[in-house]
Amino acid sequence: MTDATNKASLYRKIAAIAGAIGRVEKDGYNPQLKYKYATPATVMEAVKPLLSDRHLAIVPMVNAVIKDPTGSKTQGGAEKVITRVEMTYLIL
């Protein structure tokens, strides 16, 4: 198989999974910003069997963890930071 054929096959599998997932329950809640979200564990629970059926796996890799100070402190005196995590997801 050529690289283009492999990519086309992978893209078809990903598209089939995206079409089969349906709604994922929003089981997390951010109290500071007051919104619900689907936790990563819930998303993976929905996606994992579909990946398995198509002989695919996702391998998450953390590239960097960046902590940016906000210049303010919590009520307890600890410095508030915004943490960003840069990741790559390898699909095998």
Protein backbone atom coordinates (compact mmCIF):
# COMPACT_ATOMS: atom_id res chain seq x y z
CA MET A 1 0.00 0.00 0.00
CA THR A 2 1.12 3.52 -0.69
CA ASP A 3 1.25 6.26 1.90
CA ALA A 4 -1.72 7.96 0.21
CA THR A 5 -3.74 4.73 0.33
CA ASN A 6 -2.92 4.25 4.03
CA LYS A 7 -3.97 7.83 4.82
CA ALA A 8 -7.21 7.45 2.87
CA SER A 9 -8.00 4.24 4.76
CA LEU A 10 -7.27 5.93 8.10
CA TYR A 11 -9.42 8.96 7.20
CA ARG A 12 -12.33 6.67 6.23
CA LYS A 13 -12.06 4.86 9.56
CA ILE A 14 -11.97 8.14 11.51
CA ALA A 15 -14.98 9.46 9.58
CA ALA A 16 -16.90 6.24 10.30
CA ILE A 17 -16.10 6.54 14.01
CA ALA A 18 -17.14 10.21 14.07
CA GLY A 19 -20.45 9.27 12.45
CA ALA A 20 -21.06 6.39 14.86
CA ILE A 21 -20.29 8.15 18.16
CA GLY A 22 -23.50 10.09 18.59
CA ARG A 23 -24.03 12.25 21.64
CA VAL A 24 -21.51 12.06 24.49
CA GLU A 25 -22.89 12.89 27.92
CA LYS A 26 -21.64 16.12 29.51
CA ASP A 27 -20.75 14.71 32.92
CA GLY A 28 -18.25 17.35 34.04
CA TYR A 29 -18.97 20.83 35.37
CA ASN A 30 -16.77 23.92 35.58
CA PRO A 31 -18.08 25.90 38.57
CA GLN A 32 -15.95 28.98 37.87
CA LEU A 33 -17.25 29.45 34.32
CA LYS A 34 -20.57 27.65 34.96
CA TYR A 35 -20.69 25.23 32.04
CA LYS A 36 -21.01 21.49 31.55
CA TYR A 37 -18.53 19.48 29.48
CA ALA A 38 -17.80 15.89 28.51
CA THR A 39 -14.83 14.62 30.50
CA PRO A 40 -11.95 12.99 28.61
CA ALA A 41 -12.76 9.67 30.32
CA THR A 42 -16.36 9.78 29.06
CA VAL A 43 -15.25 10.66 25.53
CA MET A 44 -12.75 7.79 25.50
CA GLU A 45 -15.39 5.41 26.88
CA ALA A 46 -17.57 6.27 23.87
CA VAL A 47 -14.73 6.16 21.32
CA LYS A 48 -12.68 3.16 22.51
CA PRO A 49 -14.98 0.34 21.31
CA LEU A 50 -15.39 2.06 17.92
CA LEU A 51 -11.62 2.36 17.58
CA SER A 52 -11.19 -1.28 18.55
CA ASP A 53 -13.77 -2.43 15.98
CA ARG A 54 -11.68 -0.71 13.29
CA HIS A 55 -8.31 -1.91 14.67
CA LEU A 56 -7.19 1.60 15.67
CA ALA A 57 -5.68 2.97 18.86
CA ILE A 58 -4.98 6.49 20.15
CA VAL A 59 -1.75 7.13 22.02
CA PRO A 60 -1.71 10.50 23.84
CA MET A 61 1.67 12.17 24.36
CA VAL A 62 2.31 15.23 26.53
CA ASN A 63 4.66 17.61 24.71
CA ALA A 64 4.75 20.41 27.28
CA VAL A 65 3.11 21.70 30.45
CA ILE A 66 3.17 25.49 30.62
CA LYS A 67 2.17 27.37 33.77
CA ASP A 68 1.46 31.06 33.29
CA PRO A 69 1.11 33.20 36.43
CA THR A 70 -2.02 35.36 36.48
CA GLY A 71 -0.67 37.94 38.89
CA SER A 72 -3.38 37.20 41.46
CA LYS A 73 -3.64 34.93 44.48
CA THR A 74 -6.23 32.57 45.91
CA GLN A 75 -7.99 33.33 49.20
CA GLY A 76 -5.44 31.05 50.83
CA GLY A 77 -2.55 33.09 49.41
CA ALA A 78 -1.36 30.68 46.72
CA GLU A 79 -0.48 32.16 43.35
CA LYS A 80 -3.09 31.54 40.65
CA VAL A 81 -1.76 30.12 37.41
CA ILE A 82 -3.21 29.15 34.07
CA THR A 83 -1.91 25.74 33.07
CA ARG A 84 -1.75 24.77 29.39
CA VAL A 85 -0.92 21.26 28.28
CA GLU A 86 0.31 20.79 24.72
CA MET A 87 -0.34 17.29 23.46
CA THR A 88 0.00 15.14 20.39
CA TYR A 89 -2.33 12.23 19.72
CA LEU A 90 -0.87 9.42 17.64
CA ILE A 91 -3.47 7.30 15.85
CA LEU A 92 -2.21 3.80 15.13
